[in-house]
């Protein structure tokens, strides 16, 4: 397991990339489902920018609580 430290600072914007298992190209066929799932997350955050591609997503998030980032993902 990695032995790295996370540095959280309130107000920062965080860049997150998520990739599908085995890079299966399913995301663009399910954009409405992805949008709904992002709205239903119980942790509060603002999506500053995002791109949904066939097999991965890039998001710039501004969470209300920086310690929620691992749970948002």
PDB file of N, CA and C in Angstrom:
ATOM      1  N   UNK A   1       0.836  -1.177   0.000  1.00  0.00           N
ATOM      2  CA  UNK A   1       0.000   0.000   0.000  1.00  0.00           C
ATOM      3  C   UNK A   1       0.883   1.243   0.000  1.00  0.00           C
ATOM      4  N   UNK A   2       0.419   2.259  -0.694  1.00  0.00           N
ATOM      5  CA  UNK A   2       1.184   3.508  -0.768  1.00  0.00           C
ATOM      6  C   UNK A   2       1.259   4.182   0.592  1.00  0.00           C
ATOM      7  N   UNK A   3       2.371   4.840   0.812  1.00  0.00           N
ATOM      8  CA  UNK A   3       2.547   5.573   2.064  1.00  0.00           C
ATOM      9  C   UNK A   3       2.648   7.067   1.734  1.00  0.00           C
ATOM     10  N   UNK A   4       1.579   7.614   1.183  1.00  0.00           N
ATOM     11  CA  UNK A   4       1.583   9.022   0.852  1.00  0.00           C
ATOM     12  C   UNK A   4       0.615   9.769   1.752  1.00  0.00           C
ATOM     13  N   UNK A   5       0.818  11.057   1.858  1.00  0.00           N
ATOM     14  CA  UNK A   5      -0.025  11.883   2.712  1.00  0.00           C
ATOM     15  C   UNK A   5      -0.894  12.773   1.841  1.00  0.00           C
ATOM     16  N   UNK A   6      -2.128  12.931   2.252  1.00  0.00           N
ATOM     17  CA  UNK A   6      -3.028  13.833   1.556  1.00  0.00           C
ATOM     18  C   UNK A   6      -2.984  15.186   2.248  1.00  0.00           C
ATOM     19  N   UNK A   7      -2.910  16.212   1.449  1.00  0.00           N
ATOM     20  CA  UNK A   7      -2.934  17.572   1.993  1.00  0.00           C
ATOM     21  C   UNK A   7      -4.261  18.203   1.601  1.00  0.00           C
ATOM     22  N   UNK A   8      -5.055  18.554   2.583  1.00  0.00           N
ATOM     23  CA  UNK A   8      -6.349  19.166   2.342  1.00  0.00           C
ATOM     24  C   UNK A   8      -6.293  20.631   2.748  1.00  0.00           C
ATOM     25  N   UNK A   9      -6.781  21.474   1.880  1.00  0.00           N
ATOM     26  CA  UNK A   9      -6.853  22.895   2.202  1.00  0.00           C
ATOM     27  C   UNK A   9      -8.197  23.404   1.724  1.00  0.00           C
ATOM     28  N   UNK A  10      -8.960  23.978   2.635  1.00  0.00           N
ATOM     29  CA  UNK A  10     -10.299  24.436   2.326  1.00  0.00           C
ATOM     30  C   UNK A  10     -10.298  25.422   1.156  1.00  0.00           C
ATOM     31  N   UNK A  11     -11.244  25.240   0.245  1.00  0.00           N
ATOM     32  CA  UNK A  11     -11.400  26.150  -0.880  1.00  0.00           C
ATOM     33  C   UNK A  11     -10.659  25.742  -2.136  1.00  0.00           C
ATOM     34  N   UNK A  12      -9.808  24.726  -2.053  1.00  0.00           N
ATOM     35  CA  UNK A  12      -9.071  24.280  -3.237  1.00  0.00           C
ATOM     36  C   UNK A  12      -9.985  23.540  -4.196  1.00  0.00           C
ATOM     37  N   UNK A  13      -9.608  23.571  -5.456  1.00  0.00           N
ATOM     38  CA  UNK A  13     -10.275  22.788  -6.492  1.00  0.00           C
ATOM     39  C   UNK A  13      -9.433  21.543  -6.712  1.00  0.00           C
ATOM     40  N   UNK A  14     -10.109  20.400  -6.864  1.00  0.00           N
ATOM     41  CA  UNK A  14      -9.424  19.116  -6.977  1.00  0.00           C
ATOM     42  C   UNK A  14      -9.689  18.519  -8.354  1.00  0.00           C
ATOM     43  N   UNK A  15      -8.638  18.002  -9.001  1.00  0.00           N
ATOM     44  CA  UNK A  15      -8.753  17.337 -10.300  1.00  0.00           C
ATOM     45  C   UNK A  15      -8.843  15.839 -10.068  1.00  0.00           C
ATOM     46  N   UNK A  16      -9.897  15.223 -10.606  1.00  0.00           N
ATOM     47  CA  UNK A  16     -10.108  13.783 -10.431  1.00  0.00           C
ATOM     48  C   UNK A  16     -10.332  13.145 -11.794  1.00  0.00           C
ATOM     49  N   UNK A  17      -9.709  11.998 -12.012  1.00  0.00           N
ATOM     50  CA  UNK A  17      -9.957  11.200 -13.204  1.00  0.00           C
ATOM     51  C   UNK A  17     -10.432   9.829 -12.764  1.00  0.00           C
ATOM     52  N   UNK A  18     -11.508   9.352 -13.380  1.00  0.00           N
ATOM     53  CA  UNK A  18     -12.016   8.006 -13.103  1.00  0.00           C
ATOM     54  C   UNK A  18     -12.094   7.254 -14.423  1.00  0.00           C
ATOM     55  N   UNK A  19     -11.632   6.004 -14.401  1.00  0.00           N
ATOM     56  CA  UNK A  19     -11.564   5.185 -15.612  1.00  0.00           C
ATOM     57  C   UNK A  19     -12.410   3.939 -15.417  1.00  0.00           C
ATOM     58  N   UNK A  20     -13.100   3.511 -16.471  1.00  0.00           N
ATOM     59  CA  UNK A  20     -13.903   2.299 -16.382  1.00  0.00           C
ATOM     60  C   UNK A  20     -13.003   1.069 -16.303  1.00  0.00           C
ATOM     61  N   UNK A  21     -13.539  -0.004 -15.767  1.00  0.00           N
ATOM     62  CA  UNK A  21     -12.819  -1.267 -15.662  1.00  0.00           C
ATOM     63  C   UNK A  21     -12.449  -1.767 -17.059  1.00  0.00           C
ATOM     64  N   UNK A  22     -11.199  -2.057 -17.257  1.00  0.00           N
ATOM     65  CA  UNK A  22     -10.669  -2.513 -18.550  1.00  0.00           C
ATOM     66  C   UNK A  22     -10.941  -1.525 -19.680  1.00  0.00           C
ATOM     67  N   UNK A  23     -11.157  -0.260 -19.299  1.00  0.00           N
ATOM     68  CA  UNK A  23     -11.426   0.818 -20.268  1.00  0.00           C
ATOM     69  C   UNK A  23     -12.579   0.483 -21.218  1.00  0.00           C
ATOM     70  N   UNK A  24     -13.588  -0.151 -20.682  1.00  0.00           N
ATOM     71  CA  UNK A  24     -14.775  -0.479 -21.483  1.00  0.00           C
ATOM     72  C   UNK A  24     -15.489   0.836 -21.828  1.00  0.00           C
ATOM     73  N   UNK A  25     -15.777   1.081 -23.118  1.00  0.00           N
ATOM     74  CA  UNK A  25     -16.349   2.362 -23.556  1.00  0.00           C
ATOM     75  C   UNK A  25     -17.863   2.446 -23.327  1.00  0.00           C
ATOM     76  N   UNK A  26     -18.282   2.651 -22.075  1.00  0.00           N
ATOM     77  CA  UNK A  26     -19.711   2.656 -21.753  1.00  0.00           C
ATOM     78  C   UNK A  26     -20.246   4.004 -21.279  1.00  0.00           C
ATOM     79  N   UNK A  27     -19.378   4.958 -21.015  1.00  0.00           N
ATOM     80  CA  UNK A  27     -19.816   6.177 -20.351  1.00  0.00           C
ATOM     81  C   UNK A  27     -20.665   7.097 -21.233  1.00  0.00           C
ATOM     82  N   UNK A  28     -20.280   7.296 -22.477  1.00  0.00           N
ATOM     83  CA  UNK A  28     -21.038   8.234 -23.312  1.00  0.00           C
ATOM     84  C   UNK A  28     -22.433   7.704 -23.642  1.00  0.00           C
ATOM     85  N   UNK A  29     -22.628   6.399 -23.545  1.00  0.00           N
ATOM     86  CA  UNK A  29     -23.961   5.829 -23.768  1.00  0.00           C
ATOM     87  C   UNK A  29     -24.855   5.997 -22.550  1.00  0.00           C
ATOM     88  N   UNK A  30     -24.281   6.396 -21.421  1.00  0.00           N
ATOM     89  CA  UNK A  30     -25.013   6.492 -20.157  1.00  0.00           C
ATOM     90  C   UNK A  30     -24.839   7.852 -19.484  1.00  0.00           C
ATOM     91  N   UNK A  31     -24.746   8.914 -20.256  1.00  0.00           N
ATOM     92  CA  UNK A  31     -24.486  10.238 -19.690  1.00  0.00           C
ATOM     93  C   UNK A  31     -25.588  10.673 -18.733  1.00  0.00           C
ATOM     94  N   UNK A  32     -26.851  10.420 -19.061  1.00  0.00           N
ATOM     95  CA  UNK A  32     -27.938  10.823 -18.164  1.00  0.00           C
ATOM     96  C   UNK A  32     -27.834  10.126 -16.812  1.00  0.00           C
ATOM     97  N   UNK A  33     -27.488   8.859 -16.827  1.00  0.00           N
ATOM     98  CA  UNK A  33     -27.325   8.104 -15.580  1.00  0.00           C
ATOM     99  C   UNK A  33     -26.160   8.662 -14.753  1.00  0.00           C
ATOM    100  N   UNK A  34     -25.081   9.030 -15.414  1.00  0.00           N
ATOM    101  CA  UNK A  34     -23.922   9.613 -14.717  1.00  0.00           C
ATOM    102  C   UNK A  34     -24.296  10.943 -14.075  1.00  0.00           C
ATOM    103  N   UNK A  35     -25.002  11.795 -14.813  1.00  0.00           N
ATOM    104  CA  UNK A  35     -25.425  13.088 -14.261  1.00  0.00           C
ATOM    105  C   UNK A  35     -26.306  12.898 -13.027  1.00  0.00           C
ATOM    106  N   UNK A  36     -27.250  11.976 -13.099  1.00  0.00           N
ATOM    107  CA  UNK A  36     -28.128  11.723 -11.964  1.00  0.00           C
ATOM    108  C   UNK A  36     -27.362  11.178 -10.761  1.00  0.00           C
ATOM    109  N   UNK A  37     -26.394  10.304 -11.014  1.00  0.00           N
ATOM    110  CA  UNK A  37     -25.628   9.731  -9.909  1.00  0.00           C
ATOM    111  C   UNK A  37     -24.768  10.802  -9.230  1.00  0.00           C
ATOM    112  N   UNK A  38     -24.245  11.753  -9.992  1.00  0.00           N
ATOM    113  CA  UNK A  38     -23.456  12.833  -9.397  1.00  0.00           C
ATOM    114  C   UNK A  38     -24.325  13.734  -8.531  1.00  0.00           C
ATOM    115  N   UNK A  39     -25.585  13.911  -8.894  1.00  0.00           N
ATOM    116  CA  UNK A  39     -26.501  14.740  -8.104  1.00  0.00           C
ATOM    117  C   UNK A  39     -26.905  14.054  -6.803  1.00  0.00           C
ATOM    118  N   UNK A  40     -26.889  12.732  -6.790  1.00  0.00           N
ATOM    119  CA  UNK A  40     -27.402  12.004  -5.626  1.00  0.00           C
ATOM    120  C   UNK A  40     -26.350  11.696  -4.561  1.00  0.00           C
ATOM    121  N   UNK A  41     -25.120  12.106  -4.784  1.00  0.00           N
ATOM    122  CA  UNK A  41     -24.061  11.869  -3.797  1.00  0.00           C
ATOM    123  C   UNK A  41     -24.375  12.669  -2.541  1.00  0.00           C
ATOM    124  N   UNK A  42     -24.232  12.036  -1.370  1.00  0.00           N
ATOM    125  CA  UNK A  42     -24.602  12.729  -0.130  1.00  0.00           C
ATOM    126  C   UNK A  42     -23.582  13.763   0.323  1.00  0.00           C
ATOM    127  N   UNK A  43     -22.394  13.736  -0.240  1.00  0.00           N
ATOM    128  CA  UNK A  43     -21.378  14.725   0.103  1.00  0.00           C
ATOM    129  C   UNK A  43     -21.549  15.934  -0.811  1.00  0.00           C
ATOM    130  N   UNK A  44     -21.403  17.121  -0.277  1.00  0.00           N
ATOM    131  CA  UNK A  44     -21.642  18.343  -1.037  1.00  0.00           C
ATOM    132  C   UNK A  44     -20.380  18.802  -1.764  1.00  0.00           C
ATOM    133  N   UNK A  45     -20.532  19.071  -3.055  1.00  0.00           N
ATOM    134  CA  UNK A  45     -19.433  19.594  -3.848  1.00  0.00           C
ATOM    135  C   UNK A  45     -19.984  20.321  -5.059  1.00  0.00           C
ATOM    136  N   UNK A  46     -19.165  21.191  -5.614  1.00  0.00           N
ATOM    137  CA  UNK A  46     -19.505  21.907  -6.839  1.00  0.00           C
ATOM    138  C   UNK A  46     -18.657  21.313  -7.961  1.00  0.00           C
ATOM    139  N   UNK A  47     -19.280  21.017  -9.087  1.00  0.00           N
ATOM    140  CA  UNK A  47     -18.516  20.589 -10.261  1.00  0.00           C
ATOM    141  C   UNK A  47     -18.141  21.857 -11.017  1.00  0.00           C
ATOM    142  N   UNK A  48     -16.864  22.192 -10.991  1.00  0.00           N
ATOM    143  CA  UNK A  48     -16.365  23.394 -11.651  1.00  0.00           C
ATOM    144  C   UNK A  48     -16.294  23.161 -13.157  1.00  0.00           C
ATOM    145  N   UNK A  49     -15.824  21.982 -13.544  1.00  0.00           N
ATOM    146  CA  UNK A  49     -15.740  21.612 -14.954  1.00  0.00           C
ATOM    147  C   UNK A  49     -15.657  20.093 -15.030  1.00  0.00           C
ATOM    148  N   UNK A  50     -16.017  19.554 -16.171  1.00  0.00           N
ATOM    149  CA  UNK A  50     -15.938  18.112 -16.336  1.00  0.00           C
ATOM    150  C   UNK A  50     -16.027  17.708 -17.793  1.00  0.00           C
ATOM    151  N   UNK A  51     -15.459  16.555 -18.078  1.00  0.00           N
ATOM    152  CA  UNK A  51     -15.515  15.979 -19.416  1.00  0.00           C
ATOM    153  C   UNK A  51     -15.826  14.500 -19.255  1.00  0.00           C
ATOM    154  N   UNK A  52     -16.828  14.027 -19.990  1.00  0.00           N
ATOM    155  CA  UNK A  52     -17.165  12.606 -19.985  1.00  0.00           C
ATOM    156  C   UNK A  52     -16.788  12.053 -21.346  1.00  0.00           C
ATOM    157  N   UNK A  53     -15.855  11.125 -21.354  1.00  0.00           N
ATOM    158  CA  UNK A  53     -15.418  10.459 -22.574  1.00  0.00           C
ATOM    159  C   UNK A  53     -15.897   9.014 -22.533  1.00  0.00           C
ATOM    160  N   UNK A  54     -15.634   8.248 -23.567  1.00  0.00           N
ATOM    161  CA  UNK A  54     -16.159   6.883 -23.647  1.00  0.00           C
ATOM    162  C   UNK A  54     -15.733   5.996 -22.496  1.00  0.00           C
ATOM    163  N   UNK A  55     -14.479   6.111 -22.057  1.00  0.00           N
ATOM    164  CA  UNK A  55     -13.984   5.189 -21.032  1.00  0.00           C
ATOM    165  C   UNK A  55     -13.408   5.867 -19.795  1.00  0.00           C
ATOM    166  N   UNK A  56     -13.515   7.187 -19.715  1.00  0.00           N
ATOM    167  CA  UNK A  56     -13.047   7.876 -18.506  1.00  0.00           C
ATOM    168  C   UNK A  56     -13.704   9.244 -18.355  1.00  0.00           C
ATOM    169  N   UNK A  57     -13.616   9.759 -17.125  1.00  0.00           N
ATOM    170  CA  UNK A  57     -14.203  11.048 -16.780  1.00  0.00           C
ATOM    171  C   UNK A  57     -13.132  11.902 -16.115  1.00  0.00           C
ATOM    172  N   UNK A  58     -13.087  13.180 -16.485  1.00  0.00           N
ATOM    173  CA  UNK A  58     -12.238  14.162 -15.811  1.00  0.00           C
ATOM    174  C   UNK A  58     -13.170  15.153 -15.120  1.00  0.00           C
ATOM    175  N   UNK A  59     -12.911  15.436 -13.849  1.00  0.00           N
ATOM    176  CA  UNK A  59     -13.723  16.392 -13.105  1.00  0.00           C
ATOM    177  C   UNK A  59     -12.842  17.359 -12.324  1.00  0.00           C
ATOM    178  N   UNK A  60     -13.243  18.606 -12.296  1.00  0.00           N
ATOM    179  CA  UNK A  60     -12.685  19.595 -11.379  1.00  0.00           C
ATOM    180  C   UNK A  60     -13.765  19.833 -10.342  1.00  0.00           C
ATOM    181  N   UNK A  61     -13.482  19.457  -9.099  1.00  0.00           N
ATOM    182  CA  UNK A  61     -14.456  19.555  -8.022  1.00  0.00           C
ATOM    183  C   UNK A  61     -13.999  20.550  -6.964  1.00  0.00           C
ATOM    184  N   UNK A  62     -14.979  21.205  -6.373  1.00  0.00           N
ATOM    185  CA  UNK A  62     -14.724  22.074  -5.229  1.00  0.00           C
ATOM    186  C   UNK A  62     -15.622  21.578  -4.099  1.00  0.00           C
ATOM    187  N   UNK A  63     -15.102  20.660  -3.268  1.00  0.00           N
ATOM    188  CA  UNK A  63     -15.916  20.125  -2.180  1.00  0.00           C
ATOM    189  C   UNK A  63     -16.076  21.114  -1.039  1.00  0.00           C
ATOM    190  N   UNK A  64     -17.207  21.014  -0.340  1.00  0.00           N
ATOM    191  CA  UNK A  64     -17.403  21.863   0.843  1.00  0.00           C
ATOM    192  C   UNK A  64     -16.469  21.432   1.959  1.00  0.00           C
ATOM    193  N   UNK A  65     -16.221  20.136   2.068  1.00  0.00           N
ATOM    194  CA  UNK A  65     -15.306  19.605   3.076  1.00  0.00           C
ATOM    195  C   UNK A  65     -14.240  18.786   2.341  1.00  0.00           C
ATOM    196  N   UNK A  66     -13.002  19.231   2.388  1.00  0.00           N
ATOM    197  CA  UNK A  66     -11.929  18.575   1.635  1.00  0.00           C
ATOM    198  C   UNK A  66     -11.743  17.110   2.041  1.00  0.00           C
ATOM    199  N   UNK A  67     -12.095  16.758   3.259  1.00  0.00           N
ATOM    200  CA  UNK A  67     -11.924  15.370   3.710  1.00  0.00           C
ATOM    201  C   UNK A  67     -12.972  14.432   3.107  1.00  0.00           C
ATOM    202  N   UNK A  68     -13.945  14.983   2.381  1.00  0.00           N
ATOM    203  CA  UNK A  68     -14.957  14.160   1.719  1.00  0.00           C
ATOM    204  C   UNK A  68     -14.479  13.609   0.371  1.00  0.00           C
ATOM    205  N   UNK A  69     -13.368  14.095  -0.140  1.00  0.00           N
ATOM    206  CA  UNK A  69     -12.918  13.714  -1.482  1.00  0.00           C
ATOM    207  C   UNK A  69     -12.841  12.199  -1.679  1.00  0.00           C
ATOM    208  N   UNK A  70     -12.218  11.426  -0.788  1.00  0.00           N
ATOM    209  CA  UNK A  70     -12.171   9.971  -1.022  1.00  0.00           C
ATOM    210  C   UNK A  70     -13.568   9.346  -1.076  1.00  0.00           C
ATOM    211  N   UNK A  71     -14.518   9.914  -0.342  1.00  0.00           N
ATOM    212  CA  UNK A  71     -15.876   9.353  -0.319  1.00  0.00           C
ATOM    213  C   UNK A  71     -16.655   9.764  -1.568  1.00  0.00           C
ATOM    214  N   UNK A  72     -16.376  10.938  -2.098  1.00  0.00           N
ATOM    215  CA  UNK A  72     -17.037  11.368  -3.319  1.00  0.00           C
ATOM    216  C   UNK A  72     -16.648  10.451  -4.466  1.00  0.00           C
ATOM    217  N   UNK A  73     -15.378  10.119  -4.558  1.00  0.00           N
ATOM    218  CA  UNK A  73     -14.916   9.229  -5.620  1.00  0.00           C
ATOM    219  C   UNK A  73     -15.489   7.841  -5.422  1.00  0.00           C
TER     220      UNK A  73
END
